[in-house]
Every structure is written in C-alpha cells, then in structure tokens.
Amino acid sequence: MKLTELAQPTVSPGALVASLSADSMATVVTLRGEADVSTLPIVVNVLARAIGDNDGPVAVDLAYTEFIDTGSVCAPSHGRGRS
C-alpha cells in the first residue's frame, strides 16, 4: 500500500490533514481534522489528484474528521466550476 501525506503547513489542533493511499481495490482519500471553508482548497486538491492520477474507484474516509461543512461535502462540484 502506498500512502502519501500532502504537504501542508505546520498542523495545529483541529487543522485538516489529507492523505492518499492506494491498493488494488481503490484509491482512498483520508481526511483528519476539520474540513471547512478555509480548508476547501485542500479538499478540492486531494480529490482532484485522487481522481485524475488513478484509475478505478475513489473512496473518502471520514472516520477521523472532527467537523465537515457543506462546502467540503460539495467539493467535487466546486472543483469543476459548478455551484
């Protein structure tokens, strides 16, 4: 299994950390911390990388997400220019 932590500034409590892992079944995007309007670019970036760089299904693991707002839930549509 390959795990990639995306480069982000020093992590403070509640901050968002996004990682990608891939195996033969799927690419998994794991979000840890708080996903809100201030971290939306991180969510869009990691999802775009997961979809663009890998074939097959993409799963999003929110087990370690402390908070997620509606902007983050709609991140794929924001990344494609839809509202």
N, C-alpha and C. Protein backbone atom coordinates (compact mmCIF):
# COMPACT_ATOMS: atom_id res chain seq x y z
N MET A 1 0.85 -1.17 0.00
CA MET A 1 0.00 0.00 0.00
C MET A 1 0.89 1.23 0.00
N LYS A 2 0.54 2.18 -0.80
CA LYS A 2 1.27 3.44 -0.90
C LYS A 2 0.48 4.52 -0.18
N LEU A 3 1.15 5.27 0.72
CA LEU A 3 0.49 6.35 1.45
C LEU A 3 1.22 7.64 1.16
N THR A 4 0.47 8.67 0.83
CA THR A 4 1.06 9.96 0.53
C THR A 4 0.41 11.02 1.41
N GLU A 5 1.20 11.69 2.23
CA GLU A 5 0.71 12.83 3.00
C GLU A 5 0.94 14.06 2.13
N LEU A 6 -0.06 14.87 1.97
CA LEU A 6 0.08 16.07 1.15
C LEU A 6 0.77 17.16 1.96
N ALA A 7 1.68 17.87 1.33
CA ALA A 7 2.44 18.93 2.00
C ALA A 7 1.49 20.02 2.48
N GLN A 8 1.57 20.30 3.77
CA GLN A 8 0.75 21.32 4.37
C GLN A 8 1.57 22.03 5.44
N PRO A 9 1.18 23.24 5.79
CA PRO A 9 1.90 23.96 6.83
C PRO A 9 1.81 23.21 8.16
N THR A 10 2.55 23.68 9.15
CA THR A 10 2.51 23.08 10.47
C THR A 10 1.07 22.87 10.91
N VAL A 11 0.78 21.67 11.42
CA VAL A 11 -0.58 21.29 11.76
C VAL A 11 -0.92 21.74 13.17
N SER A 12 -1.99 22.51 13.31
CA SER A 12 -2.48 22.92 14.61
C SER A 12 -3.68 22.04 14.97
N PRO A 13 -4.05 22.00 16.25
CA PRO A 13 -5.20 21.18 16.64
C PRO A 13 -6.44 21.56 15.82
N GLY A 14 -7.13 20.57 15.31
CA GLY A 14 -8.33 20.80 14.52
C GLY A 14 -8.06 21.07 13.05
N ALA A 15 -6.79 21.28 12.69
CA ALA A 15 -6.45 21.54 11.29
C ALA A 15 -6.75 20.30 10.44
N LEU A 16 -6.83 20.49 9.15
CA LEU A 16 -7.12 19.38 8.24
C LEU A 16 -5.83 18.78 7.69
N VAL A 17 -5.74 17.46 7.75
CA VAL A 17 -4.66 16.72 7.13
C VAL A 17 -5.30 15.77 6.14
N ALA A 18 -4.84 15.81 4.89
CA ALA A 18 -5.38 14.96 3.84
C ALA A 18 -4.30 14.00 3.39
N SER A 19 -4.67 12.74 3.20
CA SER A 19 -3.70 11.76 2.71
C SER A 19 -4.37 10.87 1.67
N LEU A 20 -3.52 10.29 0.81
CA LEU A 20 -3.97 9.36 -0.22
C LEU A 20 -3.30 8.02 0.02
N SER A 21 -4.05 6.96 -0.12
CA SER A 21 -3.47 5.63 -0.14
C SER A 21 -4.12 4.86 -1.27
N ALA A 22 -3.38 3.95 -1.85
CA ALA A 22 -3.90 3.18 -2.97
C ALA A 22 -3.52 1.72 -2.80
N ASP A 23 -4.45 0.86 -3.15
CA ASP A 23 -4.18 -0.56 -3.21
C ASP A 23 -4.87 -1.11 -4.45
N SER A 24 -4.99 -2.38 -4.56
CA SER A 24 -5.58 -2.97 -5.77
C SER A 24 -7.08 -2.74 -5.86
N MET A 25 -7.72 -2.36 -4.77
CA MET A 25 -9.18 -2.18 -4.76
C MET A 25 -9.62 -0.75 -5.08
N ALA A 26 -8.94 0.25 -4.50
CA ALA A 26 -9.40 1.64 -4.65
C ALA A 26 -8.32 2.61 -4.19
N THR A 27 -8.52 3.86 -4.56
CA THR A 27 -7.73 4.95 -4.01
C THR A 27 -8.55 5.52 -2.86
N VAL A 28 -7.91 5.67 -1.70
CA VAL A 28 -8.61 6.15 -0.52
C VAL A 28 -8.08 7.53 -0.14
N VAL A 29 -8.98 8.49 -0.05
CA VAL A 29 -8.67 9.83 0.45
C VAL A 29 -9.10 9.85 1.91
N THR A 30 -8.16 10.11 2.81
CA THR A 30 -8.47 10.17 4.23
C THR A 30 -8.33 11.62 4.69
N LEU A 31 -9.38 12.12 5.33
CA LEU A 31 -9.36 13.46 5.89
C LEU A 31 -9.35 13.35 7.41
N ARG A 32 -8.43 14.08 8.06
CA ARG A 32 -8.34 14.10 9.51
C ARG A 32 -8.41 15.55 9.98
N GLY A 33 -9.26 15.81 10.95
CA GLY A 33 -9.37 17.16 11.49
C GLY A 33 -10.65 17.83 11.06
N GLU A 34 -10.57 19.12 10.76
CA GLU A 34 -11.74 19.91 10.41
C GLU A 34 -11.71 20.36 8.95
N ALA A 35 -12.77 20.03 8.21
CA ALA A 35 -12.89 20.43 6.81
C ALA A 35 -13.95 21.52 6.74
N ASP A 36 -13.52 22.74 6.50
CA ASP A 36 -14.45 23.86 6.42
C ASP A 36 -14.05 24.77 5.27
N VAL A 37 -14.64 25.94 5.20
CA VAL A 37 -14.40 26.84 4.08
C VAL A 37 -12.92 27.21 3.95
N SER A 38 -12.20 27.29 5.06
CA SER A 38 -10.79 27.66 4.98
C SER A 38 -9.91 26.54 4.45
N THR A 39 -10.38 25.30 4.54
CA THR A 39 -9.59 24.16 4.05
C THR A 39 -10.15 23.59 2.75
N LEU A 40 -11.16 24.23 2.18
CA LEU A 40 -11.77 23.75 0.94
C LEU A 40 -10.75 23.54 -0.18
N PRO A 41 -9.76 24.44 -0.37
CA PRO A 41 -8.77 24.18 -1.42
C PRO A 41 -7.99 22.88 -1.22
N ILE A 42 -7.75 22.50 0.01
CA ILE A 42 -7.05 21.23 0.28
C ILE A 42 -7.93 20.06 -0.13
N VAL A 43 -9.21 20.11 0.23
CA VAL A 43 -10.15 19.03 -0.11
C VAL A 43 -10.28 18.90 -1.63
N VAL A 44 -10.45 20.02 -2.31
CA VAL A 44 -10.58 20.00 -3.77
C VAL A 44 -9.31 19.45 -4.41
N ASN A 45 -8.14 19.89 -3.92
CA ASN A 45 -6.86 19.44 -4.47
C ASN A 45 -6.68 17.93 -4.31
N VAL A 46 -6.91 17.41 -3.12
CA VAL A 46 -6.68 15.98 -2.89
C VAL A 46 -7.67 15.13 -3.69
N LEU A 47 -8.93 15.58 -3.80
CA LEU A 47 -9.89 14.82 -4.59
C LEU A 47 -9.54 14.87 -6.08
N ALA A 48 -9.12 16.02 -6.56
CA ALA A 48 -8.72 16.13 -7.97
C ALA A 48 -7.53 15.24 -8.27
N ARG A 49 -6.56 15.20 -7.37
CA ARG A 49 -5.40 14.32 -7.55
C ARG A 49 -5.81 12.85 -7.54
N ALA A 50 -6.67 12.49 -6.60
CA ALA A 50 -7.11 11.10 -6.50
C ALA A 50 -7.85 10.65 -7.76
N ILE A 51 -8.71 11.50 -8.27
CA ILE A 51 -9.50 11.17 -9.46
C ILE A 51 -8.64 11.22 -10.72
N GLY A 52 -7.80 12.24 -10.83
CA GLY A 52 -7.02 12.44 -12.03
C GLY A 52 -5.83 11.51 -12.18
N ASP A 53 -5.23 11.11 -11.07
CA ASP A 53 -4.00 10.32 -11.12
C ASP A 53 -4.20 8.82 -11.03
N ASN A 54 -5.43 8.37 -10.78
CA ASN A 54 -5.65 6.95 -10.55
C ASN A 54 -6.86 6.46 -11.33
N ASP A 55 -6.78 5.21 -11.77
CA ASP A 55 -7.91 4.56 -12.40
C ASP A 55 -8.72 3.85 -11.32
N GLY A 56 -9.98 3.67 -11.56
CA GLY A 56 -10.81 2.91 -10.64
C GLY A 56 -11.50 3.77 -9.60
N PRO A 57 -12.10 3.10 -8.63
CA PRO A 57 -12.90 3.81 -7.63
C PRO A 57 -12.05 4.65 -6.67
N VAL A 58 -12.67 5.70 -6.15
CA VAL A 58 -12.08 6.55 -5.12
C VAL A 58 -13.03 6.55 -3.93
N ALA A 59 -12.50 6.25 -2.76
CA ALA A 59 -13.29 6.26 -1.52
C ALA A 59 -12.78 7.39 -0.64
N VAL A 60 -13.68 8.01 0.12
CA VAL A 60 -13.30 9.07 1.05
C VAL A 60 -13.57 8.56 2.46
N ASP A 61 -12.51 8.48 3.28
CA ASP A 61 -12.59 8.02 4.66
C ASP A 61 -12.73 9.23 5.57
N LEU A 62 -13.89 9.36 6.21
CA LEU A 62 -14.16 10.49 7.10
C LEU A 62 -14.15 10.07 8.57
N ALA A 63 -13.63 8.89 8.87
CA ALA A 63 -13.65 8.37 10.24
C ALA A 63 -12.92 9.28 11.22
N TYR A 64 -11.90 9.98 10.77
CA TYR A 64 -11.10 10.83 11.65
C TYR A 64 -11.40 12.32 11.45
N THR A 65 -12.49 12.62 10.75
CA THR A 65 -12.88 14.00 10.51
C THR A 65 -13.71 14.48 11.70
N GLU A 66 -13.24 15.55 12.35
CA GLU A 66 -13.93 16.08 13.52
C GLU A 66 -15.11 16.96 13.13
N PHE A 67 -15.01 17.62 11.98
CA PHE A 67 -16.05 18.52 11.51
C PHE A 67 -15.94 18.62 10.00
N ILE A 68 -17.09 18.66 9.32
CA ILE A 68 -17.09 18.89 7.88
C ILE A 68 -18.31 19.75 7.55
N ASP A 69 -18.09 20.83 6.81
CA ASP A 69 -19.20 21.70 6.45
C ASP A 69 -19.72 21.35 5.05
N THR A 70 -20.81 21.98 4.66
CA THR A 70 -21.44 21.65 3.38
C THR A 70 -20.57 22.02 2.18
N GLY A 71 -19.72 23.02 2.32
CA GLY A 71 -18.81 23.37 1.23
C GLY A 71 -17.85 22.24 0.93
N SER A 72 -17.36 21.58 1.96
CA SER A 72 -16.45 20.46 1.77
C SER A 72 -17.17 19.24 1.22
N VAL A 73 -18.40 19.04 1.64
CA VAL A 73 -19.17 17.91 1.12
C VAL A 73 -19.40 18.07 -0.38
N CYS A 74 -19.55 19.31 -0.84
CA CYS A 74 -19.77 19.60 -2.26
C CYS A 74 -18.47 19.87 -3.00
N ALA A 75 -17.34 19.56 -2.43
CA ALA A 75 -16.03 19.91 -3.01
C ALA A 75 -15.85 19.49 -4.45
N PRO A 76 -16.23 18.28 -4.86
CA PRO A 76 -16.01 17.92 -6.27
C PRO A 76 -16.73 18.87 -7.23
N SER A 77 -17.92 19.30 -6.89
CA SER A 77 -18.62 20.22 -7.81
C SER A 77 -17.99 21.60 -7.78
N HIS A 78 -17.43 22.02 -6.65
CA HIS A 78 -16.72 23.31 -6.59
C HIS A 78 -15.47 23.24 -7.46
N GLY A 79 -14.77 22.12 -7.42
CA GLY A 79 -13.55 21.96 -8.19
C GLY A 79 -13.77 21.96 -9.68
N ARG A 80 -14.98 21.67 -10.13
CA ARG A 80 -15.28 21.65 -11.55
C ARG A 80 -15.99 22.90 -12.01
N GLY A 81 -16.04 23.91 -11.14
CA GLY A 81 -16.62 25.18 -11.54
C GLY A 81 -18.14 25.25 -11.43
N ARG A 82 -18.76 24.23 -10.85
CA ARG A 82 -20.21 24.29 -10.65
C ARG A 82 -20.50 24.89 -9.29
N SER A 83 -21.71 25.37 -9.09
CA SER A 83 -22.05 25.93 -7.79
C SER A 83 -23.15 25.11 -7.14
